[in-house]
Structures are given as structure tokens and as C-alpha cells.
All heavy atoms as atom14 arrays in JSON, in Angstrom:
{
  "sequence": "CAESVLLAIAEERGIQSDLIPKIATGFCSGISRTGGMCGAVSGAIM",
  "atom14_mask": [
    [1, 1, 1, 1, 1, 1, 0, 0, 0, 0, 0, 0, 0, 0],
    [1, 1, 1, 1, 1, 0, 0, 0, 0, 0, 0, 0, 0, 0],
    [1, 1, 1, 1, 1, 1, 1, 1, 1, 0, 0, 0, 0, 0],
    [1, 1, 1, 1, 1, 1, 0, 0, 0, 0, 0, 0, 0, 0],
    [1, 1, 1, 1, 1, 1, 1, 0, 0, 0, 0, 0, 0, 0],
    [1, 1, 1, 1, 1, 1, 1, 1, 0, 0, 0, 0, 0, 0],
    [1, 1, 1, 1, 1, 1, 1, 1, 0, 0, 0, 0, 0, 0],
    [1, 1, 1, 1, 1, 0, 0, 0, 0, 0, 0, 0, 0, 0],
    [1, 1, 1, 1, 1, 1, 1, 1, 0, 0, 0, 0, 0, 0],
    [1, 1, 1, 1, 1, 0, 0, 0, 0, 0, 0, 0, 0, 0],
    [1, 1, 1, 1, 1, 1, 1, 1, 1, 0, 0, 0, 0, 0],
    [1, 1, 1, 1, 1, 1, 1, 1, 1, 0, 0, 0, 0, 0],
    [1, 1, 1, 1, 1, 1, 1, 1, 1, 1, 1, 0, 0, 0],
    [1, 1, 1, 1, 0, 0, 0, 0, 0, 0, 0, 0, 0, 0],
    [1, 1, 1, 1, 1, 1, 1, 1, 0, 0, 0, 0, 0, 0],
    [1, 1, 1, 1, 1, 1, 1, 1, 1, 0, 0, 0, 0, 0],
    [1, 1, 1, 1, 1, 1, 0, 0, 0, 0, 0, 0, 0, 0],
    [1, 1, 1, 1, 1, 1, 1, 1, 0, 0, 0, 0, 0, 0],
    [1, 1, 1, 1, 1, 1, 1, 1, 0, 0, 0, 0, 0, 0],
    [1, 1, 1, 1, 1, 1, 1, 1, 0, 0, 0, 0, 0, 0],
    [1, 1, 1, 1, 1, 1, 1, 0, 0, 0, 0, 0, 0, 0],
    [1, 1, 1, 1, 1, 1, 1, 1, 1, 0, 0, 0, 0, 0],
    [1, 1, 1, 1, 1, 1, 1, 1, 0, 0, 0, 0, 0, 0],
    [1, 1, 1, 1, 1, 0, 0, 0, 0, 0, 0, 0, 0, 0],
    [1, 1, 1, 1, 1, 1, 1, 0, 0, 0, 0, 0, 0, 0],
    [1, 1, 1, 1, 0, 0, 0, 0, 0, 0, 0, 0, 0, 0],
    [1, 1, 1, 1, 1, 1, 1, 1, 1, 1, 1, 0, 0, 0],
    [1, 1, 1, 1, 1, 1, 0, 0, 0, 0, 0, 0, 0, 0],
    [1, 1, 1, 1, 1, 1, 0, 0, 0, 0, 0, 0, 0, 0],
    [1, 1, 1, 1, 0, 0, 0, 0, 0, 0, 0, 0, 0, 0],
    [1, 1, 1, 1, 1, 1, 1, 1, 0, 0, 0, 0, 0, 0],
    [1, 1, 1, 1, 1, 1, 0, 0, 0, 0, 0, 0, 0, 0],
    [1, 1, 1, 1, 1, 1, 1, 1, 1, 1, 1, 0, 0, 0],
    [1, 1, 1, 1, 1, 1, 1, 0, 0, 0, 0, 0, 0, 0],
    [1, 1, 1, 1, 0, 0, 0, 0, 0, 0, 0, 0, 0, 0],
    [1, 1, 1, 1, 0, 0, 0, 0, 0, 0, 0, 0, 0, 0],
    [1, 1, 1, 1, 1, 1, 1, 1, 0, 0, 0, 0, 0, 0],
    [1, 1, 1, 1, 1, 1, 0, 0, 0, 0, 0, 0, 0, 0],
    [1, 1, 1, 1, 0, 0, 0, 0, 0, 0, 0, 0, 0, 0],
    [1, 1, 1, 1, 1, 0, 0, 0, 0, 0, 0, 0, 0, 0],
    [1, 1, 1, 1, 1, 1, 1, 0, 0, 0, 0, 0, 0, 0],
    [1, 1, 1, 1, 1, 1, 0, 0, 0, 0, 0, 0, 0, 0],
    [1, 1, 1, 1, 0, 0, 0, 0, 0, 0, 0, 0, 0, 0],
    [1, 1, 1, 1, 1, 0, 0, 0, 0, 0, 0, 0, 0, 0],
    [1, 1, 1, 1, 1, 1, 1, 1, 0, 0, 0, 0, 0, 0],
    [1, 1, 1, 1, 1, 1, 1, 1, 0, 0, 0, 0, 0, 0]
  ],
  "atom14_positions": [
    [[0.94, -3.76, -14.96], [1.57, -2.64, -15.7], [0.57, -1.59, -16.14], [0.79, -0.34, -15.74], [2.19, -3.18, -16.97], [1.21, -4.54, -17.84], [0.0, 0.0, 0.0], [0.0, 0.0, 0.0], [0.0, 0.0, 0.0], [0.0, 0.0, 0.0], [0.0, 0.0, 0.0], [0.0, 0.0, 0.0], [0.0, 0.0, 0.0], [0.0, 0.0, 0.0]],
    [[-0.5, -1.87, -16.84], [-1.39, -0.78, -17.17], [-2.13, -0.12, -16.03], [-2.25, 1.04, -16.01], [-2.48, -1.43, -18.22], [0.0, 0.0, 0.0], [0.0, 0.0, 0.0], [0.0, 0.0, 0.0], [0.0, 0.0, 0.0], [0.0, 0.0, 0.0], [0.0, 0.0, 0.0], [0.0, 0.0, 0.0], [0.0, 0.0, 0.0], [0.0, 0.0, 0.0]],
    [[-2.39, -0.96, -15.03], [-3.03, -0.36, -13.85], [-2.12, 0.52, -13.07], [-2.55, 1.65, -12.74], [-3.39, -1.55, -12.9], [-4.4, -2.48, -13.46], [-4.4, -3.87, -12.59], [-3.47, -4.32, -12.07], [-5.54, -4.38, -12.55], [0.0, 0.0, 0.0], [0.0, 0.0, 0.0], [0.0, 0.0, 0.0], [0.0, 0.0, 0.0], [0.0, 0.0, 0.0]],
    [[-0.93, 0.15, -12.97], [0.12, 1.0, -12.24], [0.37, 2.34, -13.01], [0.42, 3.34, -12.37], [1.47, 0.19, -12.17], [1.21, -0.96, -11.48], [0.0, 0.0, 0.0], [0.0, 0.0, 0.0], [0.0, 0.0, 0.0], [0.0, 0.0, 0.0], [0.0, 0.0, 0.0], [0.0, 0.0, 0.0], [0.0, 0.0, 0.0], [0.0, 0.0, 0.0]],
    [[0.56, 2.32, -14.32], [0.78, 3.55, -14.97], [-0.42, 4.39, -15.03], [-0.22, 5.65, -14.66], [1.26, 3.24, -16.51], [1.26, 4.48, -17.31], [2.51, 2.46, -16.53], [0.0, 0.0, 0.0], [0.0, 0.0, 0.0], [0.0, 0.0, 0.0], [0.0, 0.0, 0.0], [0.0, 0.0, 0.0], [0.0, 0.0, 0.0], [0.0, 0.0, 0.0]],
    [[-1.58, 3.89, -15.22], [-2.88, 4.79, -15.18], [-2.97, 5.37, -13.78], [-3.23, 6.61, -13.64], [-4.03, 3.92, -15.6], [-5.32, 4.67, -15.59], [-5.42, 5.97, -16.42], [-6.43, 3.75, -15.88], [0.0, 0.0, 0.0], [0.0, 0.0, 0.0], [0.0, 0.0, 0.0], [0.0, 0.0, 0.0], [0.0, 0.0, 0.0], [0.0, 0.0, 0.0]],
    [[-2.83, 4.56, -12.72], [-2.97, 5.03, -11.38], [-1.99, 6.21, -11.11], [-2.34, 7.22, -10.49], [-2.81, 3.93, -10.28], [-3.93, 3.13, -9.95], [-3.52, 1.88, -9.23], [-4.91, 3.99, -9.05], [0.0, 0.0, 0.0], [0.0, 0.0, 0.0], [0.0, 0.0, 0.0], [0.0, 0.0, 0.0], [0.0, 0.0, 0.0], [0.0, 0.0, 0.0]],
    [[-0.67, 5.94, -11.45], [0.35, 6.95, -11.21], [0.05, 8.24, -11.96], [0.27, 9.37, -11.45], [1.67, 6.35, -11.65], [0.0, 0.0, 0.0], [0.0, 0.0, 0.0], [0.0, 0.0, 0.0], [0.0, 0.0, 0.0], [0.0, 0.0, 0.0], [0.0, 0.0, 0.0], [0.0, 0.0, 0.0], [0.0, 0.0, 0.0], [0.0, 0.0, 0.0]],
    [[-0.41, 8.17, -13.13], [-0.72, 9.39, -13.94], [-1.98, 10.11, -13.38], [-1.96, 11.34, -13.1], [-0.98, 9.1, -15.38], [0.35, 8.61, -16.06], [-1.61, 10.24, -16.17], [0.27, 8.1, -17.48], [0.0, 0.0, 0.0], [0.0, 0.0, 0.0], [0.0, 0.0, 0.0], [0.0, 0.0, 0.0], [0.0, 0.0, 0.0], [0.0, 0.0, 0.0]],
    [[-3.04, 9.25, -13.02], [-4.11, 9.81, -12.38], [-3.85, 10.59, -11.05], [-4.22, 11.72, -10.84], [-5.19, 8.88, -12.12], [0.0, 0.0, 0.0], [0.0, 0.0, 0.0], [0.0, 0.0, 0.0], [0.0, 0.0, 0.0], [0.0, 0.0, 0.0], [0.0, 0.0, 0.0], [0.0, 0.0, 0.0], [0.0, 0.0, 0.0], [0.0, 0.0, 0.0]],
    [[-3.0, 9.92, -10.16], [-2.58, 10.49, -9.07], [-1.8, 11.83, -9.29], [-2.08, 12.86, -8.57], [-1.72, 9.62, -8.15], [-2.47, 8.52, -7.5], [-1.58, 7.58, -6.81], [-0.34, 7.85, -6.69], [-2.07, 6.5, -6.35], [0.0, 0.0, 0.0], [0.0, 0.0, 0.0], [0.0, 0.0, 0.0], [0.0, 0.0, 0.0], [0.0, 0.0, 0.0]],
    [[-0.92, 11.84, -10.18], [-0.14, 13.06, -10.52], [-1.08, 14.19, -10.99], [-0.73, 15.34, -10.74], [0.89, 12.7, -11.63], [1.69, 13.83, -12.13], [2.8, 14.19, -11.18], [3.1, 13.53, -10.18], [3.39, 15.29, -11.32], [0.0, 0.0, 0.0], [0.0, 0.0, 0.0], [0.0, 0.0, 0.0], [0.0, 0.0, 0.0], [0.0, 0.0, 0.0]],
    [[-2.04, 13.83, -11.76], [-2.99, 14.84, -12.23], [-4.17, 15.14, -11.26], [-4.98, 15.98, -11.55], [-3.61, 14.47, -13.63], [-2.55, 14.22, -14.65], [-1.6, 15.4, -14.88], [-2.1, 16.65, -15.44], [-2.17, 16.99, -16.66], [-1.7, 16.21, -17.61], [-2.79, 18.17, -17.09], [0.0, 0.0, 0.0], [0.0, 0.0, 0.0], [0.0, 0.0, 0.0]],
    [[-4.16, 14.53, -10.07], [-5.24, 14.84, -9.03], [-6.59, 14.28, -9.48], [-7.6, 14.73, -9.07], [0.0, 0.0, 0.0], [0.0, 0.0, 0.0], [0.0, 0.0, 0.0], [0.0, 0.0, 0.0], [0.0, 0.0, 0.0], [0.0, 0.0, 0.0], [0.0, 0.0, 0.0], [0.0, 0.0, 0.0], [0.0, 0.0, 0.0], [0.0, 0.0, 0.0]],
    [[-6.64, 13.13, -10.29], [-7.82, 12.58, -10.72], [-8.1, 11.35, -9.95], [-7.3, 10.47, -9.85], [-7.71, 12.21, -12.24], [-7.51, 13.48, -13.1], [-9.02, 11.52, -12.76], [-7.05, 13.31, -14.47], [0.0, 0.0, 0.0], [0.0, 0.0, 0.0], [0.0, 0.0, 0.0], [0.0, 0.0, 0.0], [0.0, 0.0, 0.0], [0.0, 0.0, 0.0]],
    [[-9.37, 11.19, -9.39], [-9.77, 10.14, -8.65], [-11.08, 9.6, -9.19], [-11.94, 10.32, -9.58], [-10.01, 10.5, -7.16], [-8.77, 10.94, -6.44], [-8.94, 11.23, -4.96], [-10.17, 11.5, -4.59], [-7.94, 11.3, -4.21], [0.0, 0.0, 0.0], [0.0, 0.0, 0.0], [0.0, 0.0, 0.0], [0.0, 0.0, 0.0], [0.0, 0.0, 0.0]],
    [[-11.14, 8.22, -9.28], [-12.33, 7.59, -9.68], [-12.27, 6.22, -9.24], [-11.25, 5.56, -9.25], [-12.44, 7.63, -11.23], [-13.54, 6.8, -11.71], [0.0, 0.0, 0.0], [0.0, 0.0, 0.0], [0.0, 0.0, 0.0], [0.0, 0.0, 0.0], [0.0, 0.0, 0.0], [0.0, 0.0, 0.0], [0.0, 0.0, 0.0], [0.0, 0.0, 0.0]],
    [[-13.49, 5.69, -8.93], [-13.49, 4.23, -8.57], [-13.28, 3.35, -9.77], [-12.97, 2.15, -9.64], [-14.95, 3.91, -8.03], [-15.21, 4.55, -6.65], [-14.2, 4.93, -5.94], [-16.4, 4.76, -6.32], [0.0, 0.0, 0.0], [0.0, 0.0, 0.0], [0.0, 0.0, 0.0], [0.0, 0.0, 0.0], [0.0, 0.0, 0.0], [0.0, 0.0, 0.0]],
    [[-13.29, 3.92, -10.93], [-13.06, 3.23, -12.18], [-11.56, 2.86, -12.37], [-11.16, 2.13, -13.21], [-13.6, 3.79, -13.38], [-15.21, 4.0, -13.36], [-15.61, 4.74, -14.53], [-15.88, 2.63, -13.28], [0.0, 0.0, 0.0], [0.0, 0.0, 0.0], [0.0, 0.0, 0.0], [0.0, 0.0, 0.0], [0.0, 0.0, 0.0], [0.0, 0.0, 0.0]],
    [[-10.71, 3.72, -11.73], [-9.3, 3.61, -11.88], [-8.75, 2.8, -10.64], [-9.07, 3.08, -9.52], [-8.6, 5.02, -11.85], [-9.16, 5.78, -12.99], [-7.01, 4.87, -11.94], [-8.67, 7.29, -12.93], [0.0, 0.0, 0.0], [0.0, 0.0, 0.0], [0.0, 0.0, 0.0], [0.0, 0.0, 0.0], [0.0, 0.0, 0.0], [0.0, 0.0, 0.0]],
    [[-8.12, 1.61, -10.83], [-7.54, 1.08, -12.05], [-8.34, 0.09, -12.78], [-7.93, -0.53, -13.69], [-6.31, 0.39, -11.38], [-6.73, -0.2, -10.15], [-7.68, 0.89, -9.61], [0.0, 0.0, 0.0], [0.0, 0.0, 0.0], [0.0, 0.0, 0.0], [0.0, 0.0, 0.0], [0.0, 0.0, 0.0], [0.0, 0.0, 0.0], [0.0, 0.0, 0.0]],
    [[-9.57, -0.1, -12.34], [-10.43, -1.21, -12.93], [-10.47, -1.19, -14.45], [-10.37, -2.16, -15.07], [-11.88, -1.05, -12.48], [-12.16, -1.51, -11.14], [-13.62, -1.25, -10.86], [-14.07, -1.98, -9.56], [-15.52, -1.99, -9.49], [0.0, 0.0, 0.0], [0.0, 0.0, 0.0], [0.0, 0.0, 0.0], [0.0, 0.0, 0.0], [0.0, 0.0, 0.0]],
    [[-10.51, -0.02, -15.05], [-10.68, 0.11, -16.55], [-9.38, -0.28, -17.23], [-9.35, -0.54, -18.45], [-11.06, 1.51, -16.99], [-9.97, 2.48, -16.57], [-12.39, 1.88, -16.51], [-10.33, 3.93, -17.22], [0.0, 0.0, 0.0], [0.0, 0.0, 0.0], [0.0, 0.0, 0.0], [0.0, 0.0, 0.0], [0.0, 0.0, 0.0], [0.0, 0.0, 0.0]],
    [[-8.34, -0.41, -16.47], [-6.99, -0.83, -17.05], [-6.63, -2.25, -16.94], [-5.7, -2.75, -17.64], [-5.8, 0.06, -16.41], [0.0, 0.0, 0.0], [0.0, 0.0, 0.0], [0.0, 0.0, 0.0], [0.0, 0.0, 0.0], [0.0, 0.0, 0.0], [0.0, 0.0, 0.0], [0.0, 0.0, 0.0], [0.0, 0.0, 0.0], [0.0, 0.0, 0.0]],
    [[-7.36, -3.06, -16.16], [-6.96, -4.34, -15.81], [-6.75, -5.28, -17.1], [-5.78, -5.98, -17.32], [-7.95, -5.04, -14.91], [-7.94, -4.23, -13.69], [-7.46, -6.44, -14.54], [0.0, 0.0, 0.0], [0.0, 0.0, 0.0], [0.0, 0.0, 0.0], [0.0, 0.0, 0.0], [0.0, 0.0, 0.0], [0.0, 0.0, 0.0], [0.0, 0.0, 0.0]],
    [[-7.77, -5.26, -17.98], [-7.68, -6.12, -19.29], [-6.55, -5.71, -20.26], [-6.26, -6.46, -21.08], [0.0, 0.0, 0.0], [0.0, 0.0, 0.0], [0.0, 0.0, 0.0], [0.0, 0.0, 0.0], [0.0, 0.0, 0.0], [0.0, 0.0, 0.0], [0.0, 0.0, 0.0], [0.0, 0.0, 0.0], [0.0, 0.0, 0.0], [0.0, 0.0, 0.0]],
    [[-6.01, -4.48, -19.99], [-4.97, -4.03, -20.91], [-3.51, -4.59, -20.38], [-2.47, -4.41, -21.0], [-4.89, -2.54, -21.01], [-6.03, -2.1, -21.76], [-7.32, -1.66, -21.0], [-6.02, -1.95, -23.14], [-8.35, -1.24, -21.77], [-7.11, -1.51, -23.78], [-8.31, -1.19, -23.11], [0.0, 0.0, 0.0], [0.0, 0.0, 0.0], [0.0, 0.0, 0.0]],
    [[-3.43, -5.13, -19.18], [-2.27, -5.53, -18.56], [-1.71, -6.76, -19.31], [-2.45, -7.57, -19.91], [-2.44, -5.91, -17.06], [-2.95, -4.46, -16.13], [0.0, 0.0, 0.0], [0.0, 0.0, 0.0], [0.0, 0.0, 0.0], [0.0, 0.0, 0.0], [0.0, 0.0, 0.0], [0.0, 0.0, 0.0], [0.0, 0.0, 0.0], [0.0, 0.0, 0.0]],
    [[-0.44, -7.06, -19.13], [0.25, -8.22, -19.78], [0.0, -8.4, -21.17], [-0.35, -9.37, -21.82], [-0.36, -9.57, -19.02], [-0.18, -9.39, -17.64], [0.0, 0.0, 0.0], [0.0, 0.0, 0.0], [0.0, 0.0, 0.0], [0.0, 0.0, 0.0], [0.0, 0.0, 0.0], [0.0, 0.0, 0.0], [0.0, 0.0, 0.0], [0.0, 0.0, 0.0]],
    [[0.18, -7.24, -21.96], [0.05, -7.39, -23.38], [-1.4, -7.59, -23.82], [-1.66, -8.39, -24.7], [0.0, 0.0, 0.0], [0.0, 0.0, 0.0], [0.0, 0.0, 0.0], [0.0, 0.0, 0.0], [0.0, 0.0, 0.0], [0.0, 0.0, 0.0], [0.0, 0.0, 0.0], [0.0, 0.0, 0.0], [0.0, 0.0, 0.0], [0.0, 0.0, 0.0]],
    [[-2.34, -6.81, -23.21], [-3.73, -7.03, -23.45], [-4.23, -8.46, -23.17], [-4.5, -9.24, -23.97], [-4.26, -6.53, -24.83], [-3.78, -5.07, -25.1], [-5.72, -6.65, -25.02], [-4.22, -4.53, -26.44], [0.0, 0.0, 0.0], [0.0, 0.0, 0.0], [0.0, 0.0, 0.0], [0.0, 0.0, 0.0], [0.0, 0.0, 0.0], [0.0, 0.0, 0.0]],
    [[-4.21, -8.73, -21.79], [-4.77, -9.95, -21.29], [-3.99, -11.16, -21.8], [-4.54, -12.21, -22.23], [-6.23, -10.09, -21.58], [-6.97, -9.07, -20.92], [0.0, 0.0, 0.0], [0.0, 0.0, 0.0], [0.0, 0.0, 0.0], [0.0, 0.0, 0.0], [0.0, 0.0, 0.0], [0.0, 0.0, 0.0], [0.0, 0.0, 0.0], [0.0, 0.0, 0.0]],
    [[-2.61, -10.97, -22.0], [-1.72, -12.16, -22.44], [-1.89, -12.45, -23.85], [-1.7, -13.59, -24.27], [-1.92, -13.31, -21.45], [-1.49, -13.04, -20.06], [-1.62, -14.41, -19.15], [-1.29, -14.1, -17.83], [-1.8, -14.75, -16.9], [-2.72, -15.68, -17.02], [-1.5, -14.5, -15.69], [0.0, 0.0, 0.0], [0.0, 0.0, 0.0], [0.0, 0.0, 0.0]],
    [[-2.46, -11.66, -24.63], [-2.67, -11.97, -26.04], [-1.45, -11.68, -26.9], [-1.43, -11.91, -28.13], [-3.87, -11.22, -26.66], [-3.58, -9.81, -26.61], [-5.13, -11.53, -25.96], [0.0, 0.0, 0.0], [0.0, 0.0, 0.0], [0.0, 0.0, 0.0], [0.0, 0.0, 0.0], [0.0, 0.0, 0.0], [0.0, 0.0, 0.0], [0.0, 0.0, 0.0]],
    [[-0.38, -11.12, -26.31], [0.88, -10.67, -26.97], [0.63, -9.4, -27.72], [1.48, -9.02, -28.56], [0.0, 0.0, 0.0], [0.0, 0.0, 0.0], [0.0, 0.0, 0.0], [0.0, 0.0, 0.0], [0.0, 0.0, 0.0], [0.0, 0.0, 0.0], [0.0, 0.0, 0.0], [0.0, 0.0, 0.0], [0.0, 0.0, 0.0], [0.0, 0.0, 0.0]],
    [[-0.32, -8.66, -27.28], [-0.57, -7.31, -27.95], [0.24, -6.2, -27.31], [1.37, -6.4, -26.87], [0.0, 0.0, 0.0], [0.0, 0.0, 0.0], [0.0, 0.0, 0.0], [0.0, 0.0, 0.0], [0.0, 0.0, 0.0], [0.0, 0.0, 0.0], [0.0, 0.0, 0.0], [0.0, 0.0, 0.0], [0.0, 0.0, 0.0], [0.0, 0.0, 0.0]],
    [[-0.31, -5.03, -27.33], [0.4, -3.78, -26.89], [0.85, -3.84, -25.46], [0.07, -4.37, -24.67], [-0.48, -2.51, -27.06], [0.24, -1.25, -26.63], [-0.65, 0.22, -26.96], [-0.3, 0.43, -28.61], [0.0, 0.0, 0.0], [0.0, 0.0, 0.0], [0.0, 0.0, 0.0], [0.0, 0.0, 0.0], [0.0, 0.0, 0.0], [0.0, 0.0, 0.0]],
    [[1.99, -3.36, -25.25], [2.62, -3.35, -23.84], [1.52, -2.66, -22.86], [1.07, -1.56, -23.17], [3.87, -2.6, -23.84], [4.46, -2.1, -22.31], [0.0, 0.0, 0.0], [0.0, 0.0, 0.0], [0.0, 0.0, 0.0], [0.0, 0.0, 0.0], [0.0, 0.0, 0.0], [0.0, 0.0, 0.0], [0.0, 0.0, 0.0], [0.0, 0.0, 0.0]],
    [[1.34, -3.26, -21.75], [0.3, -2.74, -20.87], [0.76, -1.35, -20.33], [-0.07, -0.58, -20.03], [0.0, 0.0, 0.0], [0.0, 0.0, 0.0], [0.0, 0.0, 0.0], [0.0, 0.0, 0.0], [0.0, 0.0, 0.0], [0.0, 0.0, 0.0], [0.0, 0.0, 0.0], [0.0, 0.0, 0.0], [0.0, 0.0, 0.0], [0.0, 0.0, 0.0]],
    [[2.05, -1.15, -20.14], [2.57, 0.15, -19.69], [2.27, 1.2, -20.74], [1.68, 2.35, -20.27], [4.06, 0.14, -19.41], [0.0, 0.0, 0.0], [0.0, 0.0, 0.0], [0.0, 0.0, 0.0], [0.0, 0.0, 0.0], [0.0, 0.0, 0.0], [0.0, 0.0, 0.0], [0.0, 0.0, 0.0], [0.0, 0.0, 0.0], [0.0, 0.0, 0.0]],
    [[2.29, 0.98, -22.0], [1.93, 1.9, -22.99], [0.41, 2.03, -23.09], [-0.08, 3.21, -23.07], [2.42, 1.43, -24.44], [1.89, 2.4, -25.52], [3.89, 1.33, -24.35], [0.0, 0.0, 0.0], [0.0, 0.0, 0.0], [0.0, 0.0, 0.0], [0.0, 0.0, 0.0], [0.0, 0.0, 0.0], [0.0, 0.0, 0.0], [0.0, 0.0, 0.0]],
    [[-0.44, 1.0, -22.9], [-1.77, 1.08, -22.8], [-2.29, 1.85, -21.66], [-3.11, 2.83, -21.84], [-2.44, -0.25, -22.7], [-2.21, -1.08, -23.85], [0.0, 0.0, 0.0], [0.0, 0.0, 0.0], [0.0, 0.0, 0.0], [0.0, 0.0, 0.0], [0.0, 0.0, 0.0], [0.0, 0.0, 0.0], [0.0, 0.0, 0.0], [0.0, 0.0, 0.0]],
    [[-1.64, 1.77, -20.47], [-1.89, 2.56, -19.27], [-1.62, 3.95, -19.54], [-2.3, 4.9, -19.14], [0.0, 0.0, 0.0], [0.0, 0.0, 0.0], [0.0, 0.0, 0.0], [0.0, 0.0, 0.0], [0.0, 0.0, 0.0], [0.0, 0.0, 0.0], [0.0, 0.0, 0.0], [0.0, 0.0, 0.0], [0.0, 0.0, 0.0], [0.0, 0.0, 0.0]],
    [[-0.5, 4.31, -20.2], [-0.1, 5.7, -20.48], [-1.04, 6.32, -21.42], [-1.44, 7.52, -21.24], [1.33, 5.79, -21.02], [0.0, 0.0, 0.0], [0.0, 0.0, 0.0], [0.0, 0.0, 0.0], [0.0, 0.0, 0.0], [0.0, 0.0, 0.0], [0.0, 0.0, 0.0], [0.0, 0.0, 0.0], [0.0, 0.0, 0.0], [0.0, 0.0, 0.0]],
    [[-1.57, 5.54, -22.44], [-2.59, 6.05, -23.32], [-3.88, 6.43, -22.59], [-4.44, 7.5, -22.76], [-2.85, 5.04, -24.52], [-1.71, 4.9, -25.33], [-4.17, 5.44, -25.34], [-1.77, 3.79, -26.43], [0.0, 0.0, 0.0], [0.0, 0.0, 0.0], [0.0, 0.0, 0.0], [0.0, 0.0, 0.0], [0.0, 0.0, 0.0], [0.0, 0.0, 0.0]],
    [[-4.22, 5.59, -21.7], [-5.4, 5.86, -20.81], [-5.27, 7.09, -19.98], [-6.15, 7.95, -19.79], [-5.82, 4.68, -19.96], [-6.44, 3.61, -20.81], [-7.03, 2.17, -19.78], [-5.56, 1.18, -19.82], [0.0, 0.0, 0.0], [0.0, 0.0, 0.0], [0.0, 0.0, 0.0], [0.0, 0.0, 0.0], [0.0, 0.0, 0.0], [0.0, 0.0, 0.0]]
  ]
}
């Protein structure tokens, strides 16, 4: 989730970095399956 949203936004904005999607991975599945914030929302915030 977080990786996909961040990648899609970065692509839309013409932003490329080797750090994308890496920086989003731990935010997926409700912050690494901790039941936290939705990964899609986290990716959108990034």
C-alpha cells in the first residue's frame, strides 16, 4: 500500500529516487502490521 501510493505520486510529479519506494516499506500494512495508520494514507503523506 504505502509503496504503491508513494510511487504513483512520485511518478505523477516526475520525481525519481532510488529511495522510492524503499522509504515507504515499513509504513505498509498499518505500519509494519502494528495496527497503526493505513499504509495508503502513510504513502500519501510521504
